[in-house]
Amino acid sequence: MTTEAEATTPAILAPDDYNGCTDWWYYVVGVNVIPSGSVELTPGVFKKQPIIDWKNGPVNYQENSVLIEQHEEWKEKVNTVTDSLL
């Protein structure tokens, strides 16, 4: 059985098309996509960590949807070399 998200997935979603990937997760799958950055735990070992306080900040994104305007703003501001959207 194919889900709606699988049925609308582009045949080729380039891994380096960051905005296309985040748009797919946000608009098609319907999940919040939040900014994250890389934190070096030990030399050469990195971990992705949210840049914003997604749970206890001004807006609780665990329980509330990211507004379209906020999603678009984050896409413009994120440096895809060192940061990304989760």
C-alpha atoms as a PDB file:
ATOM      1  CA  MET A   1       0.000   0.000   0.000  1.00  0.00           C
ATOM      2  CA  THR A   2       1.388   3.409  -0.993  1.00  0.00           C
ATOM      3  CA  THR A   3       0.905   6.377   1.311  1.00  0.00           C
ATOM      4  CA  GLU A   4      -0.046   9.795  -0.033  1.00  0.00           C
ATOM      5  CA  ALA A   5       3.431  11.136   0.842  1.00  0.00           C
ATOM      6  CA  GLU A   6       5.107   8.298  -1.070  1.00  0.00           C
ATOM      7  CA  ALA A   7       2.822   8.796  -4.037  1.00  0.00           C
ATOM      8  CA  THR A   8       3.701  12.494  -4.291  1.00  0.00           C
ATOM      9  CA  THR A   9       7.451  12.082  -3.736  1.00  0.00           C
ATOM     10  CA  PRO A  10       9.396  13.323  -6.751  1.00  0.00           C
ATOM     11  CA  ALA A  11      11.056  10.478  -8.642  1.00  0.00           C
ATOM     12  CA  ILE A  12      14.440  12.070  -8.043  1.00  0.00           C
ATOM     13  CA  LEU A  13      14.986  14.207  -4.968  1.00  0.00           C
ATOM     14  CA  ALA A  14      18.598  15.367  -5.121  1.00  0.00           C
ATOM     15  CA  PRO A  15      20.334  15.102  -1.734  1.00  0.00           C
ATOM     16  CA  ASP A  16      21.925  18.529  -2.240  1.00  0.00           C
ATOM     17  CA  ASP A  17      18.567  20.177  -2.995  1.00  0.00           C
ATOM     18  CA  TYR A  18      18.138  21.263   0.614  1.00  0.00           C
ATOM     19  CA  ASN A  19      15.166  23.545   0.057  1.00  0.00           C
ATOM     20  CA  GLY A  20      13.406  20.954  -2.099  1.00  0.00           C
ATOM     21  CA  CYS A  21      13.869  18.340   0.613  1.00  0.00           C
ATOM     22  CA  THR A  22      12.667  20.628   3.391  1.00  0.00           C
ATOM     23  CA  ASP A  23       9.676  21.695   1.311  1.00  0.00           C
ATOM     24  CA  TRP A  24       8.782  18.028   0.717  1.00  0.00           C
ATOM     25  CA  TRP A  25       8.890  17.247   4.451  1.00  0.00           C
ATOM     26  CA  TYR A  26       6.961  20.428   5.357  1.00  0.00           C
ATOM     27  CA  TYR A  27       4.328  20.618   2.597  1.00  0.00           C
ATOM     28  CA  VAL A  28       3.840  16.957   1.592  1.00  0.00           C
ATOM     29  CA  VAL A  29       4.533  14.933   4.743  1.00  0.00           C
ATOM     30  CA  GLY A  30       3.332  17.724   7.037  1.00  0.00           C
ATOM     31  CA  VAL A  31       6.042  17.755   9.693  1.00  0.00           C
ATOM     32  CA  ASN A  32       7.809  20.731  11.249  1.00  0.00           C
ATOM     33  CA  VAL A  33      11.266  21.302   9.782  1.00  0.00           C
ATOM     34  CA  ILE A  34      13.418  23.330  12.186  1.00  0.00           C
ATOM     35  CA  PRO A  35      16.939  24.805  11.860  1.00  0.00           C
ATOM     36  CA  SER A  36      19.836  22.806  13.226  1.00  0.00           C
ATOM     37  CA  GLY A  37      23.579  23.165  13.457  1.00  0.00           C
ATOM     38  CA  SER A  38      26.531  20.834  13.799  1.00  0.00           C
ATOM     39  CA  VAL A  39      28.118  20.574  17.238  1.00  0.00           C
ATOM     40  CA  GLU A  40      31.545  18.922  17.499  1.00  0.00           C
ATOM     41  CA  LEU A  41      31.424  16.488  20.420  1.00  0.00           C
ATOM     42  CA  THR A  42      35.005  15.284  20.063  1.00  0.00           C
ATOM     43  CA  PRO A  43      37.497  15.938  17.253  1.00  0.00           C
ATOM     44  CA  GLY A  44      35.878  14.660  14.067  1.00  0.00           C
ATOM     45  CA  VAL A  45      32.610  13.574  15.769  1.00  0.00           C
ATOM     46  CA  PHE A  46      29.657  15.841  15.060  1.00  0.00           C
ATOM     47  CA  LYS A  47      26.039  15.863  16.175  1.00  0.00           C
ATOM     48  CA  LYS A  48      23.102  17.795  14.732  1.00  0.00           C
ATOM     49  CA  GLN A  49      21.414  19.980  17.321  1.00  0.00           C
ATOM     50  CA  PRO A  50      18.455  22.368  16.927  1.00  0.00           C
ATOM     51  CA  ILE A  51      19.429  26.047  16.731  1.00  0.00           C
ATOM     52  CA  ILE A  52      16.098  27.139  18.200  1.00  0.00           C
ATOM     53  CA  ASP A  53      14.426  26.053  21.419  1.00  0.00           C
ATOM     54  CA  TRP A  54      11.728  24.041  19.629  1.00  0.00           C
ATOM     55  CA  LYS A  55      10.028  22.771  22.770  1.00  0.00           C
ATOM     56  CA  ASN A  56      10.312  25.475  25.454  1.00  0.00           C
ATOM     57  CA  GLY A  57      10.764  28.599  23.317  1.00  0.00           C
ATOM     58  CA  PRO A  58       8.191  31.306  22.577  1.00  0.00           C
ATOM     59  CA  VAL A  59       6.393  28.815  20.314  1.00  0.00           C
ATOM     60  CA  ASN A  60       6.233  25.130  21.247  1.00  0.00           C
ATOM     61  CA  TYR A  61       6.885  23.496  17.860  1.00  0.00           C
ATOM     62  CA  GLN A  62       6.350  20.053  19.349  1.00  0.00           C
ATOM     63  CA  GLU A  63       2.657  20.895  19.659  1.00  0.00           C
ATOM     64  CA  ASN A  64       2.219  23.734  17.130  1.00  0.00           C
ATOM     65  CA  SER A  65       2.854  23.956  13.416  1.00  0.00           C
ATOM     66  CA  VAL A  66       5.592  26.126  12.004  1.00  0.00           C
ATOM     67  CA  LEU A  67       3.947  28.943  10.050  1.00  0.00           C
ATOM     68  CA  ILE A  68       4.603  29.011   6.301  1.00  0.00           C
ATOM     69  CA  GLU A  69       6.253  32.433   6.657  1.00  0.00           C
ATOM     70  CA  GLN A  70       8.609  31.065   9.353  1.00  0.00           C
ATOM     71  CA  HIS A  71       9.455  28.003   7.234  1.00  0.00           C
ATOM     72  CA  GLU A  72      10.348  30.214   4.249  1.00  0.00           C
ATOM     73  CA  GLU A  73      12.422  32.583   6.434  1.00  0.00           C
ATOM     74  CA  TRP A  74      14.429  29.715   7.928  1.00  0.00           C
ATOM     75  CA  LYS A  75      15.128  28.330   4.444  1.00  0.00           C
ATOM     76  CA  GLU A  76      16.620  31.684   3.410  1.00  0.00           C
ATOM     77  CA  LYS A  77      18.772  32.079   6.538  1.00  0.00           C
ATOM     78  CA  VAL A  78      20.223  28.586   6.972  1.00  0.00           C
ATOM     79  CA  ASN A  79      23.820  28.109   5.794  1.00  0.00           C
ATOM     80  CA  THR A  80      23.573  24.682   4.150  1.00  0.00           C
ATOM     81  CA  VAL A  81      27.322  24.090   4.435  1.00  0.00           C
ATOM     82  CA  THR A  82      27.392  23.981   8.243  1.00  0.00           C
ATOM     83  CA  ASP A  83      23.740  24.077   9.199  1.00  0.00           C
ATOM     84  CA  SER A  84      20.578  22.453   7.946  1.00  0.00           C
ATOM     85  CA  LEU A  85      16.912  22.006   8.663  1.00  0.00           C
ATOM     86  CA  LEU A  86      15.838  18.968  10.689  1.00  0.00           C
END
